[in-house]
Amino acid sequence: MIDLEVLGSVLSATPTMARELAKNFGVANPQSAIPSVAGSPLWQVVFISFGVILILFEVVRGWRLGLMRQIMRLIALAAAYGAAFLGGSLCVPVARSFFKMPDPILSILCGAILALAAYALVSGIGAILFKRTSQQESGLVYFIYGFAGAILGLFFGVFFLWLTVASVRAVGALAEGQARSRPRASAHDAQDATSRALEVRRRFLSESDDRVPALATSLARLKNSLELGLLGSVFKGTDPISQRTYETLEKAGSVLSSPERAEKFLTFPGARELSEHPKIVALRSDPEIADLIAERRFVDLLQNSRVIDAANDPVLAERVRKFDIQRALDYALEQNSSTAKALKR
């Protein structure tokens, strides 16, 4: 994989130019609790360069396609959203005959397939019925077609960039929770010899410790880089996803990455009731499911009859919907805060 800082230095020509761009955009280095996930002005410049290229590509593409084909792309986008939102659940009974998976997964898959089909169909009709800009004979019509298509291309470019930013912030928030939960060298100094030995043993036995933390750190750093300075404020202000959602994802990443916090999470009153549900107990006591999780055979896991039965249970689903996950996550993280205070003493 190409290192982002190397790529950034190529795109920004020189480090001096990168610093000037970062300064002009109001970027400042935050004092993060973990330097490895602190935002980088250079990473932000690289992402800005990517965004500019994406928008310019869509503008040029819009000019070439022309006004009417761009309008058909908008209609196709709306049709895809409607097909995914309305048709996903309607196709579940039919999909059960072909795929052995939980209904929520089938609904997502059916929605995605219908969305792609609707977008391809409407876009294809537009390509058949309407001409490109270069096929217009009149000079005035050529210019109007191209210019209007480019304006719509600008909209598509901003829309795709917004989707990218939201995705990076969501995945980065989850990864940041995981990265911040890893013990740091300063925390190790405060532990006794037994605690350090247990930590070394845990890392030695973990197969993914060498791979997952590096990926989580990179994703978290990219997310924090996007949120730097003035542009970071713009991204946060225009993001329709609430900041509370990102905070919840970060807390979830922190809890899921720590066995102690996960165990504390399960002792929360609502979580304990869910964990004691007969179908959940059956899942936990099934050695086959444990083996599938340990071997990371997630497709086979979703096709397991007990998993499907639990996922399709309406009573269990209603309990999950009523479960206050925000309070449960806060409760799980309180243990770590108390432990940290005890270590300082």
Protein backbone atom coordinates (compact mmCIF):
# COMPACT_ATOMS: atom_id res chain seq x y z
CA MET A 1 0.00 0.00 0.00
CA ILE A 2 1.31 3.47 -0.90
CA ASP A 3 2.00 5.57 2.18
CA LEU A 4 -0.36 8.55 2.37
CA GLU A 5 2.38 10.98 3.35
CA VAL A 6 4.46 9.99 0.30
CA LEU A 7 1.41 10.41 -1.91
CA GLY A 8 0.65 13.73 -0.30
CA SER A 9 4.15 15.04 -0.90
CA VAL A 10 3.81 14.17 -4.59
CA LEU A 11 0.42 15.84 -4.95
CA SER A 12 1.43 18.95 -3.07
CA ALA A 13 4.74 19.24 -4.94
CA THR A 14 6.75 20.33 -1.90
CA PRO A 15 6.33 20.21 1.88
CA THR A 16 6.45 23.99 1.94
CA MET A 17 3.45 24.25 -0.35
CA ALA A 18 1.58 21.73 1.77
CA ARG A 19 2.25 23.78 4.90
CA GLU A 20 1.12 26.95 3.16
CA LEU A 21 -2.11 25.31 2.00
CA ALA A 22 -2.73 23.96 5.47
CA LYS A 23 -2.08 27.39 6.96
CA ASN A 24 -4.45 29.10 4.51
CA PHE A 25 -7.20 26.63 5.36
CA GLY A 26 -6.81 27.29 9.04
CA VAL A 27 -5.40 23.87 9.91
CA ALA A 28 -3.74 23.37 13.25
CA ASN A 29 -2.21 20.31 14.81
CA PRO A 30 -4.44 19.06 17.65
CA GLN A 31 -2.91 17.78 20.86
CA SER A 32 -4.29 14.25 20.76
CA ALA A 33 -4.08 11.89 23.67
CA ILE A 34 -2.54 9.37 21.25
CA PRO A 35 -0.08 11.01 18.81
CA SER A 36 -0.46 8.13 16.32
CA VAL A 37 -4.09 9.06 15.59
CA ALA A 38 -3.60 12.83 15.64
CA GLY A 39 -4.78 14.61 12.50
CA SER A 40 -2.18 15.58 9.90
CA PRO A 41 -2.43 18.76 7.79
CA LEU A 42 -0.66 16.91 4.99
CA TRP A 43 -3.25 14.13 5.02
CA GLN A 44 -5.97 16.77 4.82
CA VAL A 45 -4.27 18.37 1.82
CA VAL A 46 -4.11 14.96 0.14
CA PHE A 47 -7.84 14.45 0.72
CA ILE A 48 -8.61 17.96 -0.55
CA SER A 49 -6.65 17.13 -3.71
CA PHE A 50 -8.68 13.96 -4.11
CA GLY A 51 -11.91 15.93 -3.65
CA VAL A 52 -10.91 18.53 -6.24
CA ILE A 53 -10.02 15.80 -8.74
CA LEU A 54 -13.33 14.03 -8.11
CA ILE A 55 -15.37 17.21 -8.60
CA LEU A 56 -13.47 18.19 -11.75
CA PHE A 57 -13.97 14.70 -13.15
CA GLU A 58 -17.74 14.94 -12.61
CA VAL A 59 -17.86 18.43 -14.11
CA VAL A 60 -16.04 17.30 -17.26
CA ARG A 61 -18.20 14.20 -17.42
CA GLY A 62 -21.32 16.34 -17.06
CA TRP A 63 -20.20 18.56 -19.95
CA ARG A 64 -19.69 15.52 -22.16
CA LEU A 65 -22.98 13.82 -21.23
CA GLY A 66 -25.11 16.92 -21.61
CA LEU A 67 -28.13 18.31 -19.80
CA MET A 68 -30.74 15.61 -20.49
CA ARG A 69 -28.50 12.66 -19.69
CA GLN A 70 -27.50 14.34 -16.45
CA ILE A 71 -31.15 14.87 -15.56
CA MET A 72 -31.72 11.18 -16.20
CA ARG A 73 -28.84 10.42 -13.83
CA LEU A 74 -30.63 12.43 -11.15
CA ILE A 75 -33.85 10.54 -11.80
CA ALA A 76 -31.88 7.28 -11.70
CA LEU A 77 -30.39 8.24 -8.34
CA ALA A 78 -33.84 8.95 -6.91
CA ALA A 79 -35.21 5.71 -8.39
CA ALA A 80 -32.34 3.74 -6.87
CA TYR A 81 -33.00 5.22 -3.43
CA GLY A 82 -36.72 4.49 -3.70
CA ALA A 83 -36.12 0.94 -4.88
CA ALA A 84 -33.69 0.24 -2.03
CA PHE A 85 -35.92 1.81 0.62
CA LEU A 86 -39.24 0.33 -0.48
CA GLY A 87 -38.34 -2.82 -2.38
CA GLY A 88 -35.77 -4.37 -0.05
CA SER A 89 -38.23 -5.70 2.50
CA LEU A 90 -40.80 -6.65 -0.14
CA CYS A 91 -38.38 -9.03 -1.85
CA VAL A 92 -37.38 -10.86 1.33
CA PRO A 93 -40.01 -13.66 1.00
CA VAL A 94 -38.76 -14.40 -2.53
CA ALA A 95 -35.11 -14.18 -1.51
CA ARG A 96 -35.60 -16.76 1.25
CA SER A 97 -36.05 -19.41 -1.46
CA PHE A 98 -32.59 -18.72 -2.87
CA PHE A 99 -30.49 -17.55 0.08
CA LYS A 100 -30.32 -18.95 3.60
CA MET A 101 -29.66 -15.82 5.65
CA PRO A 102 -31.39 -13.66 8.29
CA ASP A 103 -34.18 -11.43 7.02
CA PRO A 104 -32.37 -8.13 7.85
CA ILE A 105 -29.37 -9.23 5.75
CA LEU A 106 -31.64 -10.35 2.91
CA SER A 107 -33.43 -6.99 3.02
CA ILE A 108 -30.13 -5.12 2.68
CA LEU A 109 -28.94 -7.35 -0.17
CA CYS A 110 -32.24 -7.11 -2.02
CA GLY A 111 -32.29 -3.34 -1.57
CA ALA A 112 -28.76 -3.01 -2.94
CA ILE A 113 -29.53 -5.20 -5.96
CA LEU A 114 -32.74 -3.31 -6.72
CA ALA A 115 -30.95 0.03 -6.36
CA LEU A 116 -28.23 -0.97 -8.84
CA ALA A 117 -30.81 -2.35 -11.25
CA ALA A 118 -32.99 0.78 -11.07
CA TYR A 119 -30.01 3.10 -11.55
CA ALA A 120 -28.68 1.10 -14.52
CA LEU A 121 -32.13 0.90 -16.13
CA VAL A 122 -32.97 4.62 -15.91
CA SER A 123 -29.45 5.68 -16.91
CA GLY A 124 -29.57 3.29 -19.87
CA ILE A 125 -32.89 4.74 -21.02
CA GLY A 126 -31.38 8.22 -20.85
CA ALA A 127 -28.39 7.13 -22.93
CA ILE A 128 -30.72 5.70 -25.59
CA LEU A 129 -33.17 8.59 -25.78
CA PHE A 130 -30.87 11.61 -25.51
CA LYS A 131 -27.73 12.74 -27.30
CA ARG A 132 -24.38 13.71 -25.86
CA THR A 133 -23.18 17.30 -25.98
CA SER A 134 -20.80 16.54 -28.86
CA GLN A 135 -23.73 15.23 -30.93
CA GLN A 136 -25.59 18.56 -30.86
CA GLU A 137 -25.51 20.34 -34.21
CA SER A 138 -26.37 23.89 -33.11
CA GLY A 139 -23.58 25.85 -31.45
CA LEU A 140 -25.96 27.48 -28.96
CA VAL A 141 -27.58 24.18 -28.04
CA TYR A 142 -24.10 22.64 -27.73
CA PHE A 143 -23.05 25.30 -25.21
CA ILE A 144 -26.31 25.16 -23.18
CA TYR A 145 -26.22 21.36 -23.09
CA GLY A 146 -22.59 21.28 -22.01
CA PHE A 147 -22.77 24.10 -19.46
CA ALA A 148 -25.96 22.82 -17.80
CA GLY A 149 -24.55 19.30 -17.75
CA ALA A 150 -21.38 20.59 -16.10
CA ILE A 151 -23.43 22.36 -13.40
CA LEU A 152 -25.21 19.11 -12.63
CA GLY A 153 -21.83 17.39 -12.70
CA LEU A 154 -20.70 19.77 -9.97
CA PHE A 155 -23.66 18.60 -7.89
CA PHE A 156 -22.74 14.94 -8.44
CA GLY A 157 -19.12 15.63 -7.53
CA VAL A 158 -20.06 17.33 -4.26
CA PHE A 159 -22.57 14.59 -3.50
CA PHE A 160 -20.02 11.79 -3.98
CA LEU A 161 -17.46 13.73 -1.96
CA TRP A 162 -19.98 14.14 0.86
CA LEU A 163 -20.62 10.37 0.81
CA THR A 164 -16.88 9.77 1.04
CA VAL A 165 -16.45 12.18 3.96
CA ALA A 166 -19.37 10.66 5.87
CA SER A 167 -18.03 7.14 5.29
CA VAL A 168 -14.52 8.09 6.40
CA ARG A 169 -15.82 9.80 9.54
CA ALA A 170 -18.06 6.85 10.45
CA VAL A 171 -15.43 4.15 9.93
CA GLY A 172 -12.74 6.40 11.43
CA ALA A 173 -14.79 6.98 14.58
CA LEU A 174 -15.14 3.24 15.10
CA ALA A 175 -11.43 2.74 14.42
CA GLU A 176 -10.47 5.60 16.73
CA GLY A 177 -12.27 3.95 19.61
CA GLN A 178 -10.30 0.79 18.94
CA ALA A 179 -6.99 2.64 18.57
CA ARG A 180 -7.46 4.70 21.73
CA SER A 181 -8.29 1.61 23.78
CA ARG A 182 -4.88 0.05 23.17
CA PRO A 183 -2.55 0.44 26.13
CA ARG A 184 0.16 3.03 25.63
CA ALA A 185 3.70 2.94 26.84
CA SER A 186 2.97 5.51 29.52
CA ALA A 187 0.16 3.37 30.87
CA HIS A 188 2.44 0.35 30.95
CA ASP A 189 4.87 2.21 33.20
CA ALA A 190 2.15 2.54 35.82
CA GLN A 191 1.34 -1.17 35.82
CA ASP A 192 2.99 -3.81 37.93
CA ALA A 193 5.05 -6.68 36.54
CA THR A 194 2.12 -9.11 36.57
CA SER A 195 -0.12 -6.78 34.55
CA ARG A 196 2.63 -6.20 32.01
CA ALA A 197 3.19 -9.96 31.68
CA LEU A 198 -0.52 -10.56 31.10
CA GLU A 199 -0.60 -7.83 28.46
CA VAL A 200 2.39 -9.32 26.64
CA ARG A 201 0.74 -12.75 26.73
CA ARG A 202 -2.52 -11.33 25.36
CA ARG A 203 -0.73 -9.66 22.47
CA PHE A 204 1.29 -12.77 21.74
CA LEU A 205 -1.81 -14.95 21.54
CA SER A 206 -3.75 -12.50 19.37
CA GLU A 207 -3.38 -13.21 15.67
CA SER A 208 -4.71 -9.85 14.53
CA ASP A 209 -2.80 -7.55 16.86
CA ASP A 210 -0.16 -6.82 14.22
CA ARG A 211 -2.66 -6.02 11.48
CA VAL A 212 -5.79 -4.51 12.99
CA PRO A 213 -4.14 -1.76 15.10
CA ALA A 214 -2.21 -0.42 12.10
CA LEU A 215 -5.37 -0.23 9.99
CA ALA A 216 -7.39 1.27 12.85
CA THR A 217 -4.70 3.89 13.47
CA SER A 218 -4.62 4.89 9.80
CA LEU A 219 -8.42 5.17 9.56
CA ALA A 220 -8.62 7.15 12.80
CA ARG A 221 -5.85 9.48 11.68
CA LEU A 222 -7.56 10.08 8.33
CA LYS A 223 -10.82 10.88 10.12
CA ASN A 224 -9.09 13.33 12.49
CA SER A 225 -7.26 14.91 9.56
CA LEU A 226 -10.57 15.68 7.86
CA GLU A 227 -11.83 17.40 11.00
CA LEU A 228 -8.90 19.82 11.31
CA GLY A 229 -9.29 23.59 11.11
CA LEU A 230 -11.79 25.54 9.06
CA LEU A 231 -12.49 22.76 6.57
CA GLY A 232 -13.11 20.38 9.43
CA SER A 233 -15.75 22.75 10.77
CA VAL A 234 -17.34 22.88 7.31
CA PHE A 235 -17.41 19.08 7.08
CA LYS A 236 -18.97 18.80 10.53
CA GLY A 237 -21.52 21.54 9.86
CA THR A 238 -22.71 20.11 6.54
CA ASP A 239 -22.78 16.47 7.64
CA PRO A 240 -26.43 15.36 8.14
CA ILE A 241 -25.23 12.56 10.43
CA SER A 242 -25.26 13.84 13.99
CA GLN A 243 -22.09 14.16 16.04
CA ARG A 244 -23.74 11.94 18.65
CA THR A 245 -23.75 9.08 16.14
CA TYR A 246 -20.00 9.39 15.60
CA GLU A 247 -19.43 9.51 19.36
CA THR A 248 -21.49 6.34 19.76
CA LEU A 249 -19.43 4.60 17.08
CA GLU A 250 -16.21 5.62 18.81
CA LYS A 251 -17.48 4.27 22.13
CA ALA A 252 -18.56 1.03 20.44
CA GLY A 253 -15.10 0.59 18.95
CA SER A 254 -13.53 1.14 22.35
CA VAL A 255 -15.81 -1.40 24.03
CA LEU A 256 -15.52 -4.05 21.32
CA SER A 257 -11.72 -3.90 21.33
CA SER A 258 -11.44 -4.66 25.05
CA PRO A 259 -12.63 -7.98 26.54
CA GLU A 260 -12.95 -6.33 29.97
CA ARG A 261 -15.17 -3.56 28.63
CA ALA A 262 -17.23 -6.02 26.60
CA GLU A 263 -17.81 -8.07 29.73
CA LYS A 264 -18.81 -4.92 31.62
CA PHE A 265 -21.17 -4.02 28.76
CA LEU A 266 -22.95 -7.36 29.15
CA THR A 267 -23.58 -6.68 32.84
CA PHE A 268 -25.69 -3.61 32.01
CA PRO A 269 -29.32 -4.37 33.00
CA GLY A 270 -30.75 -4.31 29.48
CA ALA A 271 -27.81 -6.19 28.01
CA ARG A 272 -28.02 -8.84 30.71
CA GLU A 273 -31.68 -9.47 29.88
CA LEU A 274 -30.82 -9.81 26.20
CA SER A 275 -27.91 -12.15 26.92
CA GLU A 276 -30.22 -14.37 29.00
CA HIS A 277 -32.78 -14.73 26.20
CA PRO A 278 -33.11 -18.47 25.35
CA LYS A 279 -32.08 -18.00 21.74
CA ILE A 280 -29.05 -15.91 22.69
CA VAL A 281 -28.09 -18.52 25.28
CA ALA A 282 -28.37 -21.17 22.57
CA LEU A 283 -26.02 -19.15 20.35
CA ARG A 284 -23.46 -18.70 23.13
CA SER A 285 -23.48 -22.39 24.05
CA ASP A 286 -23.19 -23.68 20.48
CA PRO A 287 -19.56 -24.79 19.84
CA GLU A 288 -20.10 -24.66 16.07
CA ILE A 289 -20.92 -20.93 16.22
CA ALA A 290 -17.88 -20.33 18.42
CA ASP A 291 -15.70 -22.11 15.86
CA LEU A 292 -17.18 -20.10 12.97
CA ILE A 293 -16.44 -16.83 14.79
CA ALA A 294 -12.92 -17.95 15.71
CA GLU A 295 -12.24 -18.96 12.10
CA ARG A 296 -13.87 -15.73 10.80
CA ARG A 297 -16.24 -17.64 8.51
CA PHE A 298 -18.87 -14.94 8.70
CA VAL A 299 -20.82 -16.03 5.62
CA ASP A 300 -21.24 -19.51 7.09
CA LEU A 301 -22.12 -17.89 10.41
CA LEU A 302 -24.98 -15.94 8.79
CA GLN A 303 -26.27 -19.16 7.24
CA ASN A 304 -26.37 -20.98 10.57
CA SER A 305 -29.94 -22.01 11.44
CA ARG A 306 -29.71 -20.80 15.05
CA VAL A 307 -28.38 -17.41 13.97
CA ILE A 308 -31.20 -17.06 11.42
CA ASP A 309 -33.79 -18.10 14.01
CA ALA A 310 -32.53 -15.52 16.53
CA ALA A 311 -32.23 -12.73 13.95
CA ASN A 312 -35.77 -13.33 12.66
CA ASP A 313 -37.37 -13.46 16.12
CA PRO A 314 -39.71 -10.41 16.34
CA VAL A 315 -39.74 -10.42 20.16
CA LEU A 316 -35.96 -10.38 20.35
CA ALA A 317 -35.79 -7.71 17.64
CA GLU A 318 -38.18 -5.50 19.64
CA ARG A 319 -36.01 -5.87 22.73
CA VAL A 320 -32.95 -4.87 20.74
CA ARG A 321 -34.73 -1.78 19.41
CA LYS A 322 -35.69 -0.71 22.93
CA PHE A 323 -32.22 -1.32 24.30
CA ASP A 324 -30.44 1.91 25.35
CA ILE A 325 -27.07 1.28 23.75
CA GLN A 326 -25.77 4.76 24.58
CA ARG A 327 -26.15 4.23 28.34
CA ALA A 328 -24.77 0.70 28.07
CA LEU A 329 -21.64 1.96 26.31
CA ASP A 330 -21.16 4.70 28.90
CA TYR A 331 -21.59 2.11 31.63
CA ALA A 332 -18.95 -0.14 30.04
CA LEU A 333 -16.47 2.72 29.73
CA GLU A 334 -16.96 3.79 33.35
CA GLN A 335 -15.01 0.74 34.45
CA ASN A 336 -11.99 1.88 32.48
CA SER A 337 -12.23 5.39 33.92
CA SER A 338 -12.36 4.01 37.48
CA THR A 339 -9.41 1.74 36.76
CA ALA A 340 -7.39 4.63 35.36
CA LYS A 341 -8.06 6.69 38.47
CA ALA A 342 -7.03 3.78 40.66
CA LEU A 343 -3.77 3.39 38.74
CA LYS A 344 -2.97 7.07 39.18
CA ARG A 345 -3.42 6.74 42.93
